[in-house]
Amino acid sequence: MKGAIEDYHLPWGHPQLVKGARSANARLDSAQGCFMANSAAREYADAREAGAAMGLGTGRRPILRPGAEERTYFIGIFPTGVFQTRINHVLQGLFLPDGPENTRVVLNIYYAAEAAIDPAFAQTRRELFEEWQLIFEQDTPFVRYVHESYKRRDKAGIETRFSPFWESNVLAFQRSVVEVLRGERL
């Protein structure tokens, strides 16, 4: 959840999503105990790279709103839900802990109107599904190494420090967890 509510790991973790981007126009928003969101309206030098990064690989563009800004929003709904909006689809996900070492992830992708069933968009829908599979495969090492690093850092007595901009949502998420564990919010 914490990785999904910041996007500074994208250039290293998911380079295909930002390839060719000249700027990100990033924005972070949160309401502690409710949601943590990041959004970006990336500007690309090349329209093909923008299309690939936005999950529009085939060039066919099922679009939610004609003329809409191509800003993505990734919203973590505390504690375990996510939504991501892109110009051509919405992703809804749920992270369901299944013990201390396992989490089951349930994802649903939604498209507007005919884009959901039109055979002309079948290839785009298939590519989007494969893109999400790749993203989760790329995230797996991050999750593993973050947890291993926490253990080492704690043993060494190194305190947590947050980047004031890039990790403000991570801090809000962790504060929300602490509130729940203390019984301050249920």
N, C-alpha and C. Protein backbone atom coordinates (compact mmCIF):
# COMPACT_ATOMS: atom_id res chain seq x y z
N MET A 1 0.83 -1.20 0.00
CA MET A 1 0.00 0.00 0.00
C MET A 1 0.87 1.26 0.00
N LYS A 2 1.94 1.23 0.79
CA LYS A 2 2.76 2.43 0.89
C LYS A 2 3.44 2.77 -0.42
N GLY A 3 3.85 1.77 -1.19
CA GLY A 3 4.49 2.03 -2.46
C GLY A 3 3.54 2.61 -3.49
N ALA A 4 2.28 2.28 -3.38
CA ALA A 4 1.30 2.75 -4.35
C ALA A 4 0.89 4.20 -4.12
N ILE A 5 1.18 4.76 -2.96
CA ILE A 5 0.73 6.11 -2.66
C ILE A 5 1.84 7.14 -2.80
N GLU A 6 2.96 6.73 -3.39
CA GLU A 6 4.01 7.65 -3.81
C GLU A 6 4.43 7.19 -5.20
N ASP A 7 5.01 8.08 -5.97
CA ASP A 7 5.42 7.62 -7.30
C ASP A 7 6.89 7.86 -7.60
N TYR A 8 7.69 8.15 -6.58
CA TYR A 8 9.10 8.38 -6.86
C TYR A 8 9.85 7.10 -7.18
N HIS A 9 9.25 5.94 -6.95
CA HIS A 9 9.90 4.68 -7.31
C HIS A 9 9.68 4.30 -8.78
N LEU A 10 8.83 5.02 -9.49
CA LEU A 10 8.49 4.64 -10.86
C LEU A 10 9.68 4.59 -11.81
N PRO A 11 10.58 5.59 -11.83
CA PRO A 11 11.68 5.51 -12.80
C PRO A 11 12.55 4.26 -12.63
N TRP A 12 12.68 3.76 -11.41
CA TRP A 12 13.52 2.58 -11.15
C TRP A 12 12.70 1.30 -11.14
N GLY A 13 11.49 1.36 -10.65
CA GLY A 13 10.68 0.17 -10.50
C GLY A 13 9.81 -0.16 -11.71
N HIS A 14 9.34 0.88 -12.40
CA HIS A 14 8.44 0.70 -13.54
C HIS A 14 8.84 1.67 -14.66
N PRO A 15 10.04 1.53 -15.18
CA PRO A 15 10.54 2.53 -16.14
C PRO A 15 9.64 2.67 -17.38
N GLN A 16 8.90 1.62 -17.73
CA GLN A 16 8.03 1.69 -18.90
C GLN A 16 6.92 2.73 -18.71
N LEU A 17 6.57 3.04 -17.46
CA LEU A 17 5.49 4.00 -17.21
C LEU A 17 5.92 5.45 -17.38
N VAL A 18 7.20 5.71 -17.31
CA VAL A 18 7.68 7.09 -17.38
C VAL A 18 8.67 7.31 -18.52
N LYS A 19 8.87 6.30 -19.35
CA LYS A 19 9.83 6.41 -20.45
C LYS A 19 9.44 7.59 -21.35
N GLY A 20 10.39 8.48 -21.56
CA GLY A 20 10.17 9.62 -22.43
C GLY A 20 9.48 10.80 -21.78
N ALA A 21 9.14 10.70 -20.49
CA ALA A 21 8.46 11.81 -19.82
C ALA A 21 9.44 12.95 -19.57
N ARG A 22 9.02 14.15 -19.95
CA ARG A 22 9.85 15.34 -19.69
C ARG A 22 9.54 15.93 -18.33
N SER A 23 8.31 15.78 -17.89
CA SER A 23 7.92 16.28 -16.57
C SER A 23 6.75 15.43 -16.07
N ALA A 24 6.53 15.49 -14.75
CA ALA A 24 5.48 14.67 -14.15
C ALA A 24 4.32 15.48 -13.62
N ASN A 25 4.56 16.74 -13.24
CA ASN A 25 3.52 17.56 -12.63
C ASN A 25 2.84 16.78 -11.50
N ALA A 26 3.65 16.26 -10.60
CA ALA A 26 3.17 15.39 -9.52
C ALA A 26 2.40 16.17 -8.47
N ARG A 27 1.47 15.46 -7.83
CA ARG A 27 0.69 16.04 -6.74
C ARG A 27 0.36 14.93 -5.75
N LEU A 28 0.47 15.23 -4.46
CA LEU A 28 0.13 14.29 -3.40
C LEU A 28 -0.98 14.89 -2.55
N ASP A 29 -1.97 14.07 -2.21
CA ASP A 29 -3.08 14.50 -1.37
C ASP A 29 -3.38 13.40 -0.36
N SER A 30 -3.89 13.77 0.80
CA SER A 30 -4.29 12.75 1.76
C SER A 30 -5.30 13.32 2.75
N ALA A 31 -6.05 12.40 3.33
CA ALA A 31 -6.92 12.68 4.47
C ALA A 31 -6.65 11.51 5.41
N GLN A 32 -5.88 11.77 6.45
CA GLN A 32 -5.43 10.70 7.35
C GLN A 32 -6.60 9.83 7.79
N GLY A 33 -6.39 8.52 7.74
CA GLY A 33 -7.41 7.57 8.13
C GLY A 33 -8.46 7.32 7.06
N CYS A 34 -8.32 8.00 5.92
CA CYS A 34 -9.31 7.87 4.86
C CYS A 34 -8.67 7.49 3.52
N PHE A 35 -7.81 8.38 2.98
CA PHE A 35 -7.18 8.09 1.69
C PHE A 35 -5.82 8.77 1.60
N MET A 36 -4.97 8.24 0.73
CA MET A 36 -3.69 8.82 0.38
C MET A 36 -3.58 8.69 -1.13
N ALA A 37 -3.34 9.78 -1.85
CA ALA A 37 -3.36 9.72 -3.31
C ALA A 37 -2.16 10.43 -3.92
N ASN A 38 -1.69 9.87 -5.02
CA ASN A 38 -0.72 10.59 -5.84
C ASN A 38 -1.31 10.71 -7.23
N SER A 39 -0.95 11.77 -7.90
CA SER A 39 -1.40 11.94 -9.27
C SER A 39 -0.30 12.60 -10.07
N ALA A 40 -0.36 12.38 -11.36
CA ALA A 40 0.64 12.96 -12.25
C ALA A 40 0.02 13.21 -13.61
N ALA A 41 0.41 14.31 -14.21
CA ALA A 41 0.06 14.62 -15.60
C ALA A 41 1.40 14.75 -16.32
N ARG A 42 1.90 13.64 -16.76
CA ARG A 42 3.22 13.63 -17.40
C ARG A 42 3.16 14.21 -18.81
N GLU A 43 4.20 14.94 -19.14
CA GLU A 43 4.35 15.47 -20.49
C GLU A 43 5.45 14.67 -21.17
N TYR A 44 5.18 14.22 -22.40
CA TYR A 44 6.11 13.38 -23.14
C TYR A 44 6.58 14.10 -24.40
N ALA A 45 7.80 13.79 -24.77
CA ALA A 45 8.36 14.36 -26.00
C ALA A 45 7.79 13.67 -27.22
N ASP A 46 7.38 12.42 -27.09
CA ASP A 46 6.94 11.60 -28.21
C ASP A 46 5.56 11.03 -27.92
N ALA A 47 4.61 11.21 -28.81
CA ALA A 47 3.24 10.74 -28.60
C ALA A 47 3.17 9.23 -28.45
N ARG A 48 4.04 8.47 -29.14
CA ARG A 48 4.02 7.01 -29.00
C ARG A 48 4.43 6.59 -27.60
N GLU A 49 5.45 7.26 -27.02
CA GLU A 49 5.85 6.93 -25.65
C GLU A 49 4.75 7.29 -24.67
N ALA A 50 4.07 8.40 -24.89
CA ALA A 50 2.94 8.76 -24.03
C ALA A 50 1.87 7.70 -24.11
N GLY A 51 1.56 7.23 -25.31
CA GLY A 51 0.54 6.20 -25.48
C GLY A 51 0.91 4.92 -24.78
N ALA A 52 2.17 4.49 -24.91
CA ALA A 52 2.61 3.26 -24.26
C ALA A 52 2.55 3.41 -22.74
N ALA A 53 2.99 4.55 -22.22
CA ALA A 53 3.00 4.77 -20.77
C ALA A 53 1.60 4.84 -20.19
N MET A 54 0.65 5.34 -20.97
CA MET A 54 -0.72 5.46 -20.48
C MET A 54 -1.52 4.18 -20.70
N GLY A 55 -0.87 3.12 -21.18
CA GLY A 55 -1.58 1.87 -21.42
C GLY A 55 -2.43 1.92 -22.67
N LEU A 56 -1.93 2.59 -23.68
CA LEU A 56 -2.66 2.73 -24.94
C LEU A 56 -1.86 2.10 -26.07
N GLY A 57 -1.16 1.02 -25.77
CA GLY A 57 -0.17 0.44 -26.65
C GLY A 57 -0.55 0.27 -28.10
N THR A 58 -1.75 -0.16 -28.41
CA THR A 58 -2.11 -0.43 -29.80
C THR A 58 -2.44 0.84 -30.55
N GLY A 59 -2.55 1.94 -29.85
CA GLY A 59 -2.93 3.19 -30.50
C GLY A 59 -4.44 3.40 -30.47
N ARG A 60 -5.23 2.36 -30.25
CA ARG A 60 -6.67 2.53 -30.11
C ARG A 60 -6.91 3.11 -28.72
N ARG A 61 -7.77 4.10 -28.65
CA ARG A 61 -7.90 4.82 -27.39
C ARG A 61 -9.34 4.83 -26.88
N PRO A 62 -9.74 3.82 -26.13
CA PRO A 62 -11.03 3.96 -25.45
C PRO A 62 -10.88 5.02 -24.37
N ILE A 63 -11.58 6.12 -24.48
CA ILE A 63 -11.35 7.27 -23.62
C ILE A 63 -12.56 7.52 -22.73
N LEU A 64 -12.28 7.88 -21.49
CA LEU A 64 -13.36 8.16 -20.55
C LEU A 64 -14.06 9.48 -20.87
N ARG A 65 -13.30 10.52 -21.13
CA ARG A 65 -13.87 11.83 -21.44
C ARG A 65 -13.08 12.46 -22.58
N PRO A 66 -13.70 12.75 -23.70
CA PRO A 66 -12.97 13.41 -24.79
C PRO A 66 -12.36 14.72 -24.31
N GLY A 67 -11.11 14.97 -24.66
CA GLY A 67 -10.44 16.20 -24.28
C GLY A 67 -9.94 16.23 -22.85
N ALA A 68 -10.05 15.12 -22.14
CA ALA A 68 -9.63 15.08 -20.74
C ALA A 68 -8.11 15.18 -20.61
N GLU A 69 -7.67 15.81 -19.54
CA GLU A 69 -6.24 15.86 -19.25
C GLU A 69 -5.77 14.43 -18.96
N GLU A 70 -4.63 14.07 -19.47
CA GLU A 70 -4.12 12.73 -19.26
C GLU A 70 -3.38 12.66 -17.92
N ARG A 71 -4.13 12.89 -16.85
CA ARG A 71 -3.59 12.81 -15.49
C ARG A 71 -4.04 11.49 -14.90
N THR A 72 -3.09 10.77 -14.31
CA THR A 72 -3.44 9.54 -13.61
C THR A 72 -3.58 9.86 -12.12
N TYR A 73 -4.46 9.15 -11.48
CA TYR A 73 -4.64 9.25 -10.03
C TYR A 73 -4.50 7.85 -9.46
N PHE A 74 -3.69 7.70 -8.44
CA PHE A 74 -3.62 6.44 -7.72
C PHE A 74 -4.00 6.75 -6.28
N ILE A 75 -5.11 6.17 -5.83
CA ILE A 75 -5.69 6.52 -4.54
C ILE A 75 -5.71 5.28 -3.66
N GLY A 76 -5.03 5.34 -2.54
CA GLY A 76 -5.10 4.28 -1.56
C GLY A 76 -6.22 4.59 -0.59
N ILE A 77 -7.21 3.72 -0.52
CA ILE A 77 -8.32 3.88 0.43
C ILE A 77 -7.92 3.11 1.68
N PHE A 78 -7.71 3.81 2.78
CA PHE A 78 -7.21 3.20 4.00
C PHE A 78 -8.21 2.18 4.53
N PRO A 79 -7.80 0.99 4.91
CA PRO A 79 -6.41 0.54 4.97
C PRO A 79 -5.94 -0.29 3.78
N THR A 80 -6.85 -0.91 2.99
CA THR A 80 -6.34 -1.87 2.01
C THR A 80 -6.95 -1.77 0.61
N GLY A 81 -7.61 -0.69 0.29
CA GLY A 81 -8.21 -0.56 -1.04
C GLY A 81 -7.43 0.41 -1.91
N VAL A 82 -7.54 0.25 -3.23
CA VAL A 82 -6.91 1.17 -4.17
C VAL A 82 -7.82 1.43 -5.36
N PHE A 83 -7.68 2.62 -5.91
CA PHE A 83 -8.29 2.98 -7.19
C PHE A 83 -7.21 3.68 -8.00
N GLN A 84 -7.16 3.37 -9.27
CA GLN A 84 -6.34 4.18 -10.16
C GLN A 84 -7.20 4.55 -11.35
N THR A 85 -7.15 5.83 -11.69
CA THR A 85 -7.84 6.28 -12.89
C THR A 85 -6.80 6.64 -13.93
N ARG A 86 -7.08 6.23 -15.14
CA ARG A 86 -6.30 6.65 -16.30
C ARG A 86 -7.32 7.15 -17.31
N ILE A 87 -6.83 7.72 -18.37
CA ILE A 87 -7.75 8.30 -19.34
C ILE A 87 -8.62 7.24 -20.01
N ASN A 88 -8.19 5.98 -19.97
CA ASN A 88 -8.94 4.95 -20.69
C ASN A 88 -9.45 3.81 -19.83
N HIS A 89 -9.19 3.84 -18.52
CA HIS A 89 -9.74 2.79 -17.66
C HIS A 89 -9.59 3.18 -16.19
N VAL A 90 -10.29 2.44 -15.35
CA VAL A 90 -10.19 2.60 -13.90
C VAL A 90 -9.84 1.24 -13.32
N LEU A 91 -8.90 1.22 -12.41
CA LEU A 91 -8.52 -0.01 -11.72
C LEU A 91 -9.03 0.08 -10.29
N GLN A 92 -9.65 -0.99 -9.82
CA GLN A 92 -10.09 -1.09 -8.43
C GLN A 92 -9.40 -2.31 -7.85
N GLY A 93 -8.78 -2.14 -6.69
CA GLY A 93 -8.08 -3.26 -6.09
C GLY A 93 -8.28 -3.35 -4.60
N LEU A 94 -8.05 -4.55 -4.10
CA LEU A 94 -8.15 -4.81 -2.68
C LEU A 94 -6.99 -5.70 -2.28
N PHE A 95 -6.26 -5.29 -1.25
CA PHE A 95 -5.15 -6.07 -0.69
C PHE A 95 -5.68 -6.75 0.57
N LEU A 96 -5.73 -8.07 0.55
CA LEU A 96 -6.32 -8.82 1.65
C LEU A 96 -5.24 -9.63 2.36
N PRO A 97 -4.77 -9.15 3.53
CA PRO A 97 -3.74 -9.91 4.26
C PRO A 97 -4.22 -11.31 4.59
N ASP A 98 -3.34 -12.26 4.38
CA ASP A 98 -3.63 -13.67 4.63
C ASP A 98 -2.49 -14.22 5.49
N GLY A 99 -2.35 -13.68 6.69
CA GLY A 99 -1.26 -14.06 7.57
C GLY A 99 -0.13 -13.05 7.50
N PRO A 100 0.92 -13.26 8.30
CA PRO A 100 2.01 -12.28 8.39
C PRO A 100 2.89 -12.21 7.15
N GLU A 101 2.89 -13.21 6.30
CA GLU A 101 3.80 -13.25 5.16
C GLU A 101 3.10 -13.24 3.80
N ASN A 102 1.77 -13.26 3.77
CA ASN A 102 1.06 -13.37 2.49
C ASN A 102 -0.07 -12.36 2.40
N THR A 103 -0.28 -11.88 1.19
CA THR A 103 -1.40 -10.99 0.91
C THR A 103 -2.02 -11.40 -0.42
N ARG A 104 -3.32 -11.53 -0.42
CA ARG A 104 -4.04 -11.82 -1.67
C ARG A 104 -4.46 -10.49 -2.28
N VAL A 105 -4.24 -10.33 -3.57
CA VAL A 105 -4.57 -9.10 -4.27
C VAL A 105 -5.69 -9.40 -5.27
N VAL A 106 -6.76 -8.61 -5.19
CA VAL A 106 -7.89 -8.74 -6.10
C VAL A 106 -7.96 -7.43 -6.90
N LEU A 107 -7.90 -7.54 -8.23
CA LEU A 107 -7.95 -6.37 -9.09
C LEU A 107 -9.09 -6.49 -10.09
N ASN A 108 -9.73 -5.37 -10.36
CA ASN A 108 -10.75 -5.28 -11.40
C ASN A 108 -10.44 -4.06 -12.25
N ILE A 109 -10.54 -4.23 -13.56
CA ILE A 109 -10.32 -3.12 -14.49
C ILE A 109 -11.64 -2.79 -15.15
N TYR A 110 -12.00 -1.51 -15.16
CA TYR A 110 -13.26 -1.06 -15.73
C TYR A 110 -12.99 -0.10 -16.88
N TYR A 111 -13.81 -0.20 -17.92
CA TYR A 111 -13.71 0.65 -19.09
C TYR A 111 -15.04 1.35 -19.31
N ALA A 112 -15.02 2.46 -20.00
CA ALA A 112 -16.24 3.21 -20.30
C ALA A 112 -16.93 2.64 -21.53
N ALA A 113 -18.23 2.54 -21.42
CA ALA A 113 -19.14 2.21 -22.54
C ALA A 113 -18.63 1.07 -23.40
N GLU A 114 -18.56 1.30 -24.71
CA GLU A 114 -18.21 0.24 -25.66
C GLU A 114 -16.78 -0.25 -25.50
N ALA A 115 -15.92 0.50 -24.88
CA ALA A 115 -14.53 0.06 -24.68
C ALA A 115 -14.47 -1.21 -23.85
N ALA A 116 -15.49 -1.47 -23.04
CA ALA A 116 -15.51 -2.67 -22.19
C ALA A 116 -15.81 -3.94 -22.97
N ILE A 117 -16.52 -3.83 -24.08
CA ILE A 117 -16.94 -5.05 -24.79
C ILE A 117 -16.64 -5.04 -26.29
N ASP A 118 -16.34 -3.90 -26.86
CA ASP A 118 -16.10 -3.80 -28.30
C ASP A 118 -14.88 -4.64 -28.69
N PRO A 119 -15.05 -5.57 -29.63
CA PRO A 119 -13.91 -6.40 -30.07
C PRO A 119 -12.74 -5.57 -30.62
N ALA A 120 -13.03 -4.37 -31.10
CA ALA A 120 -11.95 -3.51 -31.62
C ALA A 120 -10.95 -3.13 -30.53
N PHE A 121 -11.38 -3.18 -29.27
CA PHE A 121 -10.49 -2.82 -28.16
C PHE A 121 -9.97 -4.04 -27.40
N ALA A 122 -10.21 -5.23 -27.90
CA ALA A 122 -9.78 -6.45 -27.20
C ALA A 122 -8.27 -6.47 -26.98
N GLN A 123 -7.49 -6.09 -27.99
CA GLN A 123 -6.03 -6.08 -27.85
C GLN A 123 -5.59 -5.09 -26.78
N THR A 124 -6.20 -3.90 -26.75
CA THR A 124 -5.86 -2.89 -25.74
C THR A 124 -6.19 -3.41 -24.35
N ARG A 125 -7.36 -4.03 -24.20
CA ARG A 125 -7.72 -4.58 -22.88
C ARG A 125 -6.74 -5.65 -22.45
N ARG A 126 -6.33 -6.52 -23.38
CA ARG A 126 -5.36 -7.57 -23.07
C ARG A 126 -4.01 -6.95 -22.66
N GLU A 127 -3.56 -5.92 -23.40
CA GLU A 127 -2.29 -5.25 -23.09
C GLU A 127 -2.35 -4.58 -21.71
N LEU A 128 -3.48 -3.98 -21.36
CA LEU A 128 -3.61 -3.35 -20.05
C LEU A 128 -3.53 -4.39 -18.93
N PHE A 129 -4.19 -5.52 -19.14
CA PHE A 129 -4.11 -6.59 -18.15
C PHE A 129 -2.67 -7.06 -17.99
N GLU A 130 -1.96 -7.26 -19.10
CA GLU A 130 -0.55 -7.69 -19.05
C GLU A 130 0.32 -6.63 -18.40
N GLU A 131 0.01 -5.35 -18.65
CA GLU A 131 0.77 -4.27 -18.02
C GLU A 131 0.63 -4.33 -16.50
N TRP A 132 -0.60 -4.53 -16.01
CA TRP A 132 -0.80 -4.61 -14.56
C TRP A 132 -0.10 -5.83 -13.98
N GLN A 133 -0.09 -6.94 -14.68
CA GLN A 133 0.66 -8.11 -14.21
C GLN A 133 2.13 -7.77 -14.08
N LEU A 134 2.70 -7.10 -15.08
CA LEU A 134 4.11 -6.71 -15.04
C LEU A 134 4.39 -5.78 -13.86
N ILE A 135 3.51 -4.81 -13.64
CA ILE A 135 3.72 -3.87 -12.54
C ILE A 135 3.79 -4.60 -11.20
N PHE A 136 2.90 -5.55 -10.98
CA PHE A 136 2.93 -6.29 -9.72
C PHE A 136 4.17 -7.18 -9.63
N GLU A 137 4.59 -7.75 -10.73
CA GLU A 137 5.84 -8.53 -10.72
C GLU A 137 7.01 -7.62 -10.38
N GLN A 138 7.04 -6.41 -10.93
CA GLN A 138 8.12 -5.47 -10.65
C GLN A 138 8.08 -5.00 -9.20
N ASP A 139 6.91 -4.91 -8.60
CA ASP A 139 6.78 -4.45 -7.22
C ASP A 139 7.23 -5.49 -6.20
N THR A 140 7.19 -6.76 -6.55
CA THR A 140 7.50 -7.82 -5.59
C THR A 140 8.86 -7.65 -4.92
N PRO A 141 9.94 -7.40 -5.66
CA PRO A 141 11.23 -7.21 -4.98
C PRO A 141 11.24 -5.99 -4.07
N PHE A 142 10.56 -4.91 -4.46
CA PHE A 142 10.50 -3.72 -3.61
C PHE A 142 9.89 -4.07 -2.26
N VAL A 143 8.77 -4.77 -2.29
CA VAL A 143 8.09 -5.13 -1.05
C VAL A 143 9.01 -5.98 -0.17
N ARG A 144 9.63 -6.99 -0.76
CA ARG A 144 10.52 -7.87 -0.01
C ARG A 144 11.69 -7.08 0.60
N TYR A 145 12.36 -6.25 -0.22
CA TYR A 145 13.54 -5.54 0.27
C TYR A 145 13.20 -4.45 1.28
N VAL A 146 12.04 -3.82 1.13
CA VAL A 146 11.64 -2.82 2.11
C VAL A 146 11.49 -3.47 3.48
N HIS A 147 10.84 -4.62 3.53
CA HIS A 147 10.64 -5.29 4.82
C HIS A 147 11.95 -5.81 5.40
N GLU A 148 12.84 -6.30 4.56
CA GLU A 148 14.15 -6.72 5.04
C GLU A 148 14.94 -5.53 5.56
N SER A 149 14.85 -4.39 4.89
CA SER A 149 15.57 -3.19 5.32
C SER A 149 15.05 -2.66 6.64
N TYR A 150 13.71 -2.73 6.85
CA TYR A 150 13.14 -2.30 8.13
C TYR A 150 13.79 -3.07 9.27
N LYS A 151 13.89 -4.37 9.11
CA LYS A 151 14.46 -5.21 10.17
C LYS A 151 15.90 -4.82 10.46
N ARG A 152 16.69 -4.63 9.41
CA ARG A 152 18.10 -4.25 9.60
C ARG A 152 18.22 -2.86 10.22
N ARG A 153 17.40 -1.94 9.73
CA ARG A 153 17.45 -0.57 10.24
C ARG A 153 17.08 -0.53 11.72
N ASP A 154 16.03 -1.28 12.09
CA ASP A 154 15.61 -1.32 13.49
C ASP A 154 16.71 -1.90 14.37
N LYS A 155 17.34 -2.99 13.92
CA LYS A 155 18.44 -3.59 14.70
C LYS A 155 19.59 -2.63 14.88
N ALA A 156 19.84 -1.79 13.86
CA ALA A 156 20.95 -0.83 13.92
C ALA A 156 20.57 0.45 14.66
N GLY A 157 19.30 0.59 15.03
CA GLY A 157 18.84 1.78 15.76
C GLY A 157 18.72 3.01 14.88
N ILE A 158 18.50 2.83 13.60
CA ILE A 158 18.35 3.96 12.68
C ILE A 158 16.88 4.37 12.65
N GLU A 159 16.63 5.63 12.97
CA GLU A 159 15.26 6.13 13.01
C GLU A 159 14.73 6.40 11.61
N THR A 160 13.41 6.32 11.46
CA THR A 160 12.75 6.59 10.19
C THR A 160 12.80 8.08 9.91
N ARG A 161 13.08 8.40 8.66
CA ARG A 161 13.03 9.79 8.20
C ARG A 161 12.20 9.82 6.93
N PHE A 162 11.41 10.86 6.77
CA PHE A 162 10.54 10.96 5.61
C PHE A 162 10.92 12.17 4.77
N SER A 163 10.88 12.02 3.47
CA SER A 163 11.03 13.14 2.55
C SER A 163 9.76 13.99 2.69
N PRO A 164 9.90 15.30 2.96
CA PRO A 164 8.71 16.13 3.19
C PRO A 164 7.69 16.10 2.06
N PHE A 165 8.13 16.02 0.80
CA PHE A 165 7.17 15.97 -0.29
C PHE A 165 6.85 14.53 -0.68
N TRP A 166 7.84 13.77 -1.09
CA TRP A 166 7.61 12.47 -1.70
C TRP A 166 6.99 11.44 -0.75
N GLU A 167 7.23 11.58 0.53
CA GLU A 167 6.72 10.58 1.46
C GLU A 167 5.66 11.09 2.42
N SER A 168 5.04 12.22 2.10
CA SER A 168 3.99 12.74 2.99
C SER A 168 2.82 11.76 3.07
N ASN A 169 2.49 11.09 1.97
CA ASN A 169 1.41 10.10 2.02
C ASN A 169 1.80 8.86 2.81
N VAL A 170 3.07 8.46 2.70
CA VAL A 170 3.55 7.31 3.48
C VAL A 170 3.43 7.62 4.96
N LEU A 171 3.83 8.82 5.35
CA LEU A 171 3.71 9.23 6.75
C LEU A 171 2.24 9.25 7.19
N ALA A 172 1.35 9.79 6.35
CA ALA A 172 -0.08 9.80 6.69
C ALA A 172 -0.62 8.38 6.85
N PHE A 173 -0.19 7.47 5.98
CA PHE A 173 -0.62 6.07 6.07
C PHE A 173 -0.13 5.46 7.39
N GLN A 174 1.14 5.65 7.71
CA GLN A 174 1.68 5.06 8.93
C GLN A 174 1.02 5.66 10.17
N ARG A 175 0.75 6.95 10.16
CA ARG A 175 0.05 7.57 11.30
C ARG A 175 -1.35 6.98 11.44
N SER A 176 -2.01 6.71 10.32
CA SER A 176 -3.34 6.11 10.36
C SER A 176 -3.30 4.71 10.96
N VAL A 177 -2.27 3.94 10.60
CA VAL A 177 -2.10 2.60 11.18
C VAL A 177 -1.91 2.70 12.68
N VAL A 178 -1.07 3.63 13.12
CA VAL A 178 -0.82 3.80 14.56
C VAL A 178 -2.11 4.17 15.28
N GLU A 179 -2.91 5.07 14.69
CA GLU A 179 -4.19 5.45 15.31
C GLU A 179 -5.09 4.23 15.50
N VAL A 180 -5.16 3.38 14.49
CA VAL A 180 -6.01 2.18 14.58
C VAL A 180 -5.47 1.25 15.66
N LEU A 181 -4.17 1.04 15.66
CA LEU A 181 -3.58 0.12 16.65
C LEU A 181 -3.74 0.63 18.08
N ARG A 182 -3.76 1.92 18.26
CA ARG A 182 -3.97 2.51 19.59
C ARG A 182 -5.44 2.55 19.97
N GLY A 183 -6.32 2.21 19.02
CA GLY A 183 -7.76 2.26 19.29
C GLY A 183 -8.33 3.63 19.17
N GLU A 184 -7.59 4.59 18.58
CA GLU A 184 -8.08 5.94 18.42
C GLU A 184 -9.07 6.07 17.27
N ARG A 185 -9.02 5.10 16.36
CA ARG A 185 -9.91 5.15 15.19
C ARG A 185 -10.24 3.71 14.83
N LEU A 186 -11.49 3.42 14.68
CA LEU A 186 -11.91 2.07 14.28
C LEU A 186 -12.85 2.12 13.11
